[in-house]
C-alpha atoms as a PDB file:
ATOM      1  CA  MET A   1      -6.709  -4.939  -7.300  1.00  0.00           C
ATOM      2  CA  LYS A   2     -10.092  -5.363  -5.619  1.00  0.00           C
ATOM      3  CA  LYS A   3      -9.980  -7.559  -2.523  1.00  0.00           C
ATOM      4  CA  SER A   4     -12.631  -9.409  -0.563  1.00  0.00           C
ATOM      5  CA  VAL A   5     -12.605  -8.805   3.180  1.00  0.00           C
ATOM      6  CA  LEU A   6     -14.407 -10.656   5.954  1.00  0.00           C
ATOM      7  CA  LEU A   7     -14.904  -8.222   8.843  1.00  0.00           C
ATOM      8  CA  ILE A   8     -15.950  -9.635  12.191  1.00  0.00           C
ATOM      9  CA  GLY A   9     -17.251  -7.060  14.637  1.00  0.00           C
ATOM     10  CA  ALA A  10     -19.226  -3.935  13.737  1.00  0.00           C
ATOM     11  CA  GLY A  11     -18.434  -1.729  16.714  1.00  0.00           C
ATOM     12  CA  ARG A  12     -16.701   1.644  16.369  1.00  0.00           C
ATOM     13  CA  PHE A  13     -13.365   0.185  15.285  1.00  0.00           C
ATOM     14  CA  GLY A  14     -15.031  -2.220  12.862  1.00  0.00           C
ATOM     15  CA  ARG A  15     -17.244   0.503  11.418  1.00  0.00           C
ATOM     16  CA  TYR A  16     -14.380   2.926  10.790  1.00  0.00           C
ATOM     17  CA  THR A  17     -12.355   0.087   9.288  1.00  0.00           C
ATOM     18  CA  ALA A  18     -15.251  -0.760   6.985  1.00  0.00           C
ATOM     19  CA  MET A  19     -15.638   2.870   5.928  1.00  0.00           C
ATOM     20  CA  LYS A  20     -12.010   3.031   4.841  1.00  0.00           C
ATOM     21  CA  ILE A  21     -12.060  -0.347   3.097  1.00  0.00           C
ATOM     22  CA  HIS A  22     -15.207   0.778   1.262  1.00  0.00           C
ATOM     23  CA  GLU A  23     -13.482   4.018   0.271  1.00  0.00           C
ATOM     24  CA  LEU A  24     -10.596   1.967  -1.144  1.00  0.00           C
ATOM     25  CA  GLY A  25     -13.028   0.071  -3.364  1.00  0.00           C
ATOM     26  CA  HIS A  26     -12.877  -3.384  -1.799  1.00  0.00           C
ATOM     27  CA  GLU A  27     -15.734  -5.788  -1.047  1.00  0.00           C
ATOM     28  CA  ILE A  28     -16.699  -6.393   2.586  1.00  0.00           C
ATOM     29  CA  MET A  29     -18.728  -9.078   4.312  1.00  0.00           C
ATOM     30  CA  VAL A  30     -19.432  -8.188   7.960  1.00  0.00           C
ATOM     31  CA  ILE A  31     -20.647 -10.337  10.842  1.00  0.00           C
ATOM     32  CA  ASP A  32     -21.867  -9.173  14.243  1.00  0.00           C
ATOM     33  CA  LYS A  33     -24.300 -10.457  16.862  1.00  0.00           C
ATOM     34  CA  ASP A  34     -25.872  -7.024  17.301  1.00  0.00           C
ATOM     35  CA  GLU A  35     -28.534  -6.066  14.740  1.00  0.00           C
ATOM     36  CA  GLU A  36     -28.236  -2.357  15.561  1.00  0.00           C
ATOM     37  CA  ARG A  37     -24.493  -2.405  14.812  1.00  0.00           C
ATOM     38  CA  ILE A  38     -25.144  -4.236  11.558  1.00  0.00           C
ATOM     39  CA  ASN A  39     -27.681  -1.603  10.506  1.00  0.00           C
ATOM     40  CA  LYS A  40     -25.183   1.202  11.132  1.00  0.00           C
ATOM     41  CA  ILE A  41     -22.477  -0.400   9.016  1.00  0.00           C
ATOM     42  CA  LEU A  42     -24.696  -1.466   6.071  1.00  0.00           C
ATOM     43  CA  PRO A  43     -23.905   1.591   3.865  1.00  0.00           C
ATOM     44  CA  TYR A  44     -20.230   0.598   3.755  1.00  0.00           C
ATOM     45  CA  VAL A  45     -20.367  -3.162   3.182  1.00  0.00           C
ATOM     46  CA  THR A  46     -21.250  -5.496   0.331  1.00  0.00           C
ATOM     47  CA  ASP A  47     -23.058  -8.002   2.536  1.00  0.00           C
ATOM     48  CA  ALA A  48     -23.805  -8.474   6.233  1.00  0.00           C
ATOM     49  CA  GLN A  49     -25.016 -11.194   8.521  1.00  0.00           C
ATOM     50  CA  ILE A  50     -26.226 -11.217  12.106  1.00  0.00           C
ATOM     51  CA  GLY A  51     -24.519 -14.095  13.859  1.00  0.00           C
ATOM     52  CA  ASP A  52     -21.957 -15.405  16.311  1.00  0.00           C
ATOM     53  CA  SER A  53     -18.441 -15.673  14.901  1.00  0.00           C
ATOM     54  CA  THR A  54     -17.667 -18.505  17.333  1.00  0.00           C
ATOM     55  CA  ASP A  55     -20.378 -20.654  15.691  1.00  0.00           C
ATOM     56  CA  ASN A  56     -18.523 -23.283  13.700  1.00  0.00           C
ATOM     57  CA  ALA A  57     -21.474 -24.024  11.410  1.00  0.00           C
ATOM     58  CA  LEU A  58     -21.966 -20.344  10.552  1.00  0.00           C
ATOM     59  CA  MET A  59     -18.301 -19.693   9.852  1.00  0.00           C
ATOM     60  CA  SER A  60     -17.948 -22.878   7.816  1.00  0.00           C
ATOM     61  CA  SER A  61     -20.845 -21.742   5.617  1.00  0.00           C
ATOM     62  CA  LEU A  62     -19.038 -18.518   4.698  1.00  0.00           C
ATOM     63  CA  GLY A  63     -16.156 -20.116   2.809  1.00  0.00           C
ATOM     64  CA  VAL A  64     -13.569 -18.094   4.740  1.00  0.00           C
ATOM     65  CA  ARG A  65     -10.672 -19.482   2.701  1.00  0.00           C
ATOM     66  CA  ASN A  66     -12.026 -17.519  -0.279  1.00  0.00           C
ATOM     67  CA  TYR A  67     -11.523 -14.136   1.402  1.00  0.00           C
ATOM     68  CA  ASP A  68      -8.259 -12.298   0.822  1.00  0.00           C
ATOM     69  CA  LEU A  69      -8.321 -10.923   4.350  1.00  0.00           C
ATOM     70  CA  CYS A  70     -10.166 -11.583   7.606  1.00  0.00           C
ATOM     71  CA  ILE A  71     -10.227  -8.784  10.184  1.00  0.00           C
ATOM     72  CA  ILE A  72     -11.333  -9.555  13.736  1.00  0.00           C
ATOM     73  CA  ALA A  73     -12.486  -6.208  15.147  1.00  0.00           C
ATOM     74  CA  ILE A  74     -14.051  -7.560  18.344  1.00  0.00           C
ATOM     75  CA  GLY A  75     -13.019  -5.226  21.156  1.00  0.00           C
ATOM     76  CA  ASP A  76     -15.168  -6.088  24.172  1.00  0.00           C
ATOM     77  CA  ASP A  77     -14.887  -9.879  24.364  1.00  0.00           C
ATOM     78  CA  PHE A  78     -11.352 -11.215  24.078  1.00  0.00           C
ATOM     79  CA  LEU A  79     -12.354 -14.859  24.481  1.00  0.00           C
ATOM     80  CA  SER A  80     -14.683 -14.549  21.477  1.00  0.00           C
ATOM     81  CA  ALA A  81     -11.918 -12.872  19.481  1.00  0.00           C
ATOM     82  CA  LEU A  82      -9.511 -15.648  20.430  1.00  0.00           C
ATOM     83  CA  GLU A  83     -11.974 -18.422  19.590  1.00  0.00           C
ATOM     84  CA  THR A  84     -12.839 -16.717  16.294  1.00  0.00           C
ATOM     85  CA  THR A  85      -9.152 -16.493  15.399  1.00  0.00           C
ATOM     86  CA  PHE A  86      -8.638 -20.185  16.121  1.00  0.00           C
ATOM     87  CA  LEU A  87     -11.762 -21.089  14.137  1.00  0.00           C
ATOM     88  CA  LEU A  88     -10.777 -19.006  11.104  1.00  0.00           C
ATOM     89  CA  HIS A  89      -7.292 -20.478  11.110  1.00  0.00           C
ATOM     90  CA  GLY A  90      -8.709 -23.993  11.241  1.00  0.00           C
ATOM     91  CA  LEU A  91     -11.031 -23.235   8.336  1.00  0.00           C
ATOM     92  CA  GLY A  92      -8.109 -22.166   6.164  1.00  0.00           C
ATOM     93  CA  ALA A  93      -8.372 -18.369   6.228  1.00  0.00           C
ATOM     94  CA  GLN A  94      -5.586 -16.846   4.100  1.00  0.00           C
ATOM     95  CA  LYS A  95      -4.745 -13.884   6.329  1.00  0.00           C
ATOM     96  CA  ILE A  96      -6.114 -13.028   9.767  1.00  0.00           C
ATOM     97  CA  ILE A  97      -5.676  -9.613  11.404  1.00  0.00           C
ATOM     98  CA  ALA A  98      -6.842  -9.470  15.012  1.00  0.00           C
ATOM     99  CA  ARG A  99      -7.333  -6.634  17.489  1.00  0.00           C
ATOM    100  CA  ALA A 100      -5.704  -6.676  20.926  1.00  0.00           C
ATOM    101  CA  THR A 101      -5.242  -4.369  23.894  1.00  0.00           C
ATOM    102  CA  THR A 102      -2.346  -6.062  25.710  1.00  0.00           C
ATOM    103  CA  GLY A 103       0.853  -7.900  24.893  1.00  0.00           C
ATOM    104  CA  SER A 104      -0.448 -11.113  26.454  1.00  0.00           C
ATOM    105  CA  GLN A 105      -3.513 -10.978  24.199  1.00  0.00           C
ATOM    106  CA  GLU A 106      -1.210 -10.540  21.215  1.00  0.00           C
ATOM    107  CA  LYS A 107       0.702 -13.703  22.130  1.00  0.00           C
ATOM    108  CA  PHE A 108      -2.485 -15.770  22.466  1.00  0.00           C
ATOM    109  CA  LEU A 109      -3.873 -14.450  19.171  1.00  0.00           C
ATOM    110  CA  LEU A 110      -0.676 -15.151  17.251  1.00  0.00           C
ATOM    111  CA  HIS A 111      -0.456 -18.609  18.788  1.00  0.00           C
ATOM    112  CA  SER A 112      -4.070 -19.263  17.707  1.00  0.00           C
ATOM    113  CA  GLY A 113      -3.400 -18.407  14.075  1.00  0.00           C
ATOM    114  CA  ALA A 114      -3.483 -14.619  13.662  1.00  0.00           C
ATOM    115  CA  SER A 115      -1.177 -13.371  10.910  1.00  0.00           C
ATOM    116  CA  ALA A 116      -0.776 -10.004  12.634  1.00  0.00           C
ATOM    117  CA  VAL A 117      -2.190  -8.107  15.603  1.00  0.00           C
ATOM    118  CA  VAL A 118      -3.141  -4.435  15.816  1.00  0.00           C
ATOM    119  CA  PHE A 119      -3.471  -2.206  18.880  1.00  0.00           C
ATOM    120  CA  PRO A 120      -5.822   0.660  17.884  1.00  0.00           C
ATOM    121  CA  GLU A 121      -5.859   2.370  21.296  1.00  0.00           C
ATOM    122  CA  ARG A 122      -2.108   2.066  21.800  1.00  0.00           C
ATOM    123  CA  GLU A 123      -1.313   3.308  18.295  1.00  0.00           C
ATOM    124  CA  LEU A 124      -3.712   6.242  18.538  1.00  0.00           C
ATOM    125  CA  GLY A 125      -2.367   7.106  21.989  1.00  0.00           C
ATOM    126  CA  ALA A 126       1.216   7.168  20.711  1.00  0.00           C
ATOM    127  CA  TRP A 127       0.192   9.250  17.685  1.00  0.00           C
ATOM    128  CA  THR A 128      -1.672  11.739  19.873  1.00  0.00           C
ATOM    129  CA  ALA A 129       1.201  12.120  22.334  1.00  0.00           C
ATOM    130  CA  ILE A 130       3.844  12.632  19.657  1.00  0.00           C
ATOM    131  CA  ARG A 131       1.659  14.815  17.419  1.00  0.00           C
ATOM    132  CA  TYR A 132       0.494  17.229  20.102  1.00  0.00           C
ATOM    133  CA  CYS A 133       3.219  17.132  22.750  1.00  0.00           C
ATOM    134  CA  THR A 134       6.219  17.590  20.437  1.00  0.00           C
ATOM    135  CA  ASP A 135       7.003  20.907  18.764  1.00  0.00           C
ATOM    136  CA  ASN A 136       7.343  21.132  14.973  1.00  0.00           C
ATOM    137  CA  ILE A 137       5.593  17.831  14.159  1.00  0.00           C
ATOM    138  CA  SER A 138       2.528  18.010  11.897  1.00  0.00           C
ATOM    139  CA  ASN A 139       2.011  14.283  11.396  1.00  0.00           C
ATOM    140  CA  TYR A 140       3.447  10.959  12.494  1.00  0.00           C
ATOM    141  CA  ILE A 141       3.288   7.395  11.167  1.00  0.00           C
ATOM    142  CA  GLU A 142       4.929   4.574  13.107  1.00  0.00           C
ATOM    143  CA  LEU A 143       6.263   1.818  10.878  1.00  0.00           C
ATOM    144  CA  THR A 144       8.200  -1.085  12.415  1.00  0.00           C
ATOM    145  CA  ASP A 145      11.422  -1.802  14.300  1.00  0.00           C
ATOM    146  CA  GLY A 146      11.725   1.812  15.431  1.00  0.00           C
ATOM    147  CA  TRP A 147      11.238   3.336  11.965  1.00  0.00           C
ATOM    148  CA  SER A 148       8.795   6.201  11.469  1.00  0.00           C
ATOM    149  CA  ILE A 149       7.652   8.802   8.965  1.00  0.00           C
ATOM    150  CA  LEU A 150       7.237  12.296  10.439  1.00  0.00           C
ATOM    151  CA  GLU A 151       6.151  15.590   8.957  1.00  0.00           C
ATOM    152  CA  VAL A 152       8.507  18.158  10.477  1.00  0.00           C
ATOM    153  CA  ALA A 153       9.274  21.834   9.956  1.00  0.00           C
ATOM    154  CA  VAL A 154      12.242  22.774   7.750  1.00  0.00           C
ATOM    155  CA  PRO A 155      14.926  24.159  10.126  1.00  0.00           C
ATOM    156  CA  LYS A 156      15.978  27.796   9.697  1.00  0.00           C
ATOM    157  CA  GLU A 157      19.535  26.722   8.930  1.00  0.00           C
ATOM    158  CA  TRP A 158      18.301  24.664   5.961  1.00  0.00           C
ATOM    159  CA  ASP A 159      16.513  27.640   4.383  1.00  0.00           C
ATOM    160  CA  GLY A 160      17.444  28.072   0.700  1.00  0.00           C
ATOM    161  CA  LYS A 161      19.574  24.929   0.566  1.00  0.00           C
ATOM    162  CA  LYS A 162      19.224  22.078  -1.880  1.00  0.00           C
ATOM    163  CA  VAL A 163      18.506  18.584  -0.594  1.00  0.00           C
ATOM    164  CA  GLY A 164      21.738  17.349  -2.180  1.00  0.00           C
ATOM    165  CA  GLU A 165      23.787  19.930  -0.272  1.00  0.00           C
ATOM    166  CA  LEU A 166      22.583  18.674   3.094  1.00  0.00           C
ATOM    167  CA  HIS A 167      23.674  15.017   2.646  1.00  0.00           C
ATOM    168  CA  VAL A 168      20.943  14.001   5.080  1.00  0.00           C
ATOM    169  CA  ARG A 169      21.138  10.308   4.255  1.00  0.00           C
ATOM    170  CA  ARG A 170      24.883  10.078   4.840  1.00  0.00           C
ATOM    171  CA  MET A 171      25.103  12.466   7.790  1.00  0.00           C
ATOM    172  CA  TYR A 172      21.875  11.712   9.633  1.00  0.00           C
ATOM    173  CA  SER A 173      20.624   8.360   8.220  1.00  0.00           C
ATOM    174  CA  ILE A 174      17.269   9.882   7.292  1.00  0.00           C
ATOM    175  CA  ASN A 175      15.490  10.354   3.973  1.00  0.00           C
ATOM    176  CA  ILE A 176      13.404  13.319   2.793  1.00  0.00           C
ATOM    177  CA  LEU A 177      10.321  11.902   1.068  1.00  0.00           C
ATOM    178  CA  GLY A 178       8.328  15.050   0.377  1.00  0.00           C
ATOM    179  CA  VAL A 179       8.047  18.797   0.920  1.00  0.00           C
ATOM    180  CA  ARG A 180       4.804  20.642   1.601  1.00  0.00           C
ATOM    181  CA  ASN A 181       3.931  24.130   0.393  1.00  0.00           C
ATOM    182  CA  SER A 182       0.192  24.387  -0.236  1.00  0.00           C
ATOM    183  CA  HIS A 183       0.304  20.690  -1.141  1.00  0.00           C
ATOM    184  CA  MET A 184       2.729  17.812  -0.628  1.00  0.00           C
ATOM    185  CA  ASN A 185       5.364  17.463  -3.365  1.00  0.00           C
ATOM    186  CA  MET A 186       6.696  13.896  -3.418  1.00  0.00           C
ATOM    187  CA  ASP A 187       8.927  14.461  -6.455  1.00  0.00           C
ATOM    188  CA  ILE A 188      12.103  15.126  -4.481  1.00  0.00           C
ATOM    189  CA  SER A 189      15.584  15.288  -6.031  1.00  0.00           C
ATOM    190  CA  ASN A 190      19.009  16.562  -4.987  1.00  0.00           C
ATOM    191  CA  ASP A 191      18.097  19.884  -6.640  1.00  0.00           C
ATOM    192  CA  THR A 192      14.925  20.404  -4.579  1.00  0.00           C
ATOM    193  CA  VAL A 193      15.319  23.670  -2.633  1.00  0.00           C
ATOM    194  CA  LEU A 194      14.041  23.807   0.949  1.00  0.00           C
ATOM    195  CA  HIS A 195      12.601  26.917   2.566  1.00  0.00           C
ATOM    196  CA  TYR A 196      11.956  27.837   6.166  1.00  0.00           C
ATOM    197  CA  GLY A 197       8.188  27.735   6.740  1.00  0.00           C
ATOM    198  CA  GLN A 198       7.746  24.544   4.739  1.00  0.00           C
ATOM    199  CA  THR A 199       7.295  21.108   6.262  1.00  0.00           C
ATOM    200  CA  MET A 200       8.951  17.869   5.117  1.00  0.00           C
ATOM    201  CA  LEU A 201       8.098  14.195   5.246  1.00  0.00           C
ATOM    202  CA  VAL A 202      11.157  12.420   6.631  1.00  0.00           C
ATOM    203  CA  LEU A 203      11.785   8.701   7.029  1.00  0.00           C
ATOM    204  CA  GLY A 204      14.126   7.291   9.637  1.00  0.00           C
ATOM    205  CA  ARG A 205      14.392   5.868  13.119  1.00  0.00           C
ATOM    206  CA  TYR A 206      12.250   7.938  15.458  1.00  0.00           C
ATOM    207  CA  GLU A 207      14.965   8.654  18.027  1.00  0.00           C
ATOM    208  CA  ARG A 208      17.403   9.745  15.316  1.00  0.00           C
ATOM    209  CA  ILE A 209      14.816  12.100  13.791  1.00  0.00           C
ATOM    210  CA  ARG A 210      14.176  13.569  17.221  1.00  0.00           C
ATOM    211  CA  ARG A 211      17.869  14.317  17.671  1.00  0.00           C
ATOM    212  CA  VAL A 212      18.337  15.787  14.202  1.00  0.00           C
ATOM    213  CA  PHE A 213      15.428  18.179  14.539  1.00  0.00           C
ATOM    214  CA  SER A 214      15.714  18.666  18.334  1.00  0.00           C
ATOM    215  CA  LEU A 215      12.128  17.551  18.831  1.00  0.00           C
END
C-alpha cells in the first residue's frame, strides 16, 4: 500500500532515507531550510519546500495529519528537532519518527510526542562492530528486547543434517529462517539439509546465538 511521508531534514540521513522510501514506491514531501540540500534530494521526492520546520504557519499549511508518517531527520540542531516534534504532535500528525544521538534526547522527543526514536549512528556502529569484529557473521539485524537476526556459517558438525534433526528451537531457542547457497532460500522445513560452507539466517536472542555458534 502506497504511503505518504513527510520528511523533515534533507541532510545525509534524510537523503538516504528518501532514496529508500522512493525505492519502496511511496510518496515523499521534504522540507529543509537549505536550498542546496533540497536540490540534491529532488530526484527522490514527490514534492519539496524550502522552509523552517519550527514555523507554525508553514507546518499548519501542510496538513500534517494527512500524512501516514512524519520523519524528523534533523541531525545538527536538536532544539529544532524537539520543537518540530512538539509542533507536529500538536497539529495531529499520525506517526512521528525522530532522530536522536543520546538517551536524554530520546526521552525529550518521546515526551514531546514522538512515536518512536531512531539512533542512526549508534545502530550503524553496533552493526559495524558485530559484522566485522565477530567471526562467521555475514550480516546482522538488531530487532528489539535483545532479539536479533544474524547470518552465520553452518557449523561443521551440522554438515549433512536435516533441520528437523537438530531440534534447534527446543535445544537452543533459536529459529532457522533461511539458508544461503548462491541465493537465500527462505523456504525452510524440517527436511532442509544443511551443508558446511553455507550460511544461515537465524533468529533469537543475540547472546544465545553467540553461545550456540561460539561467536
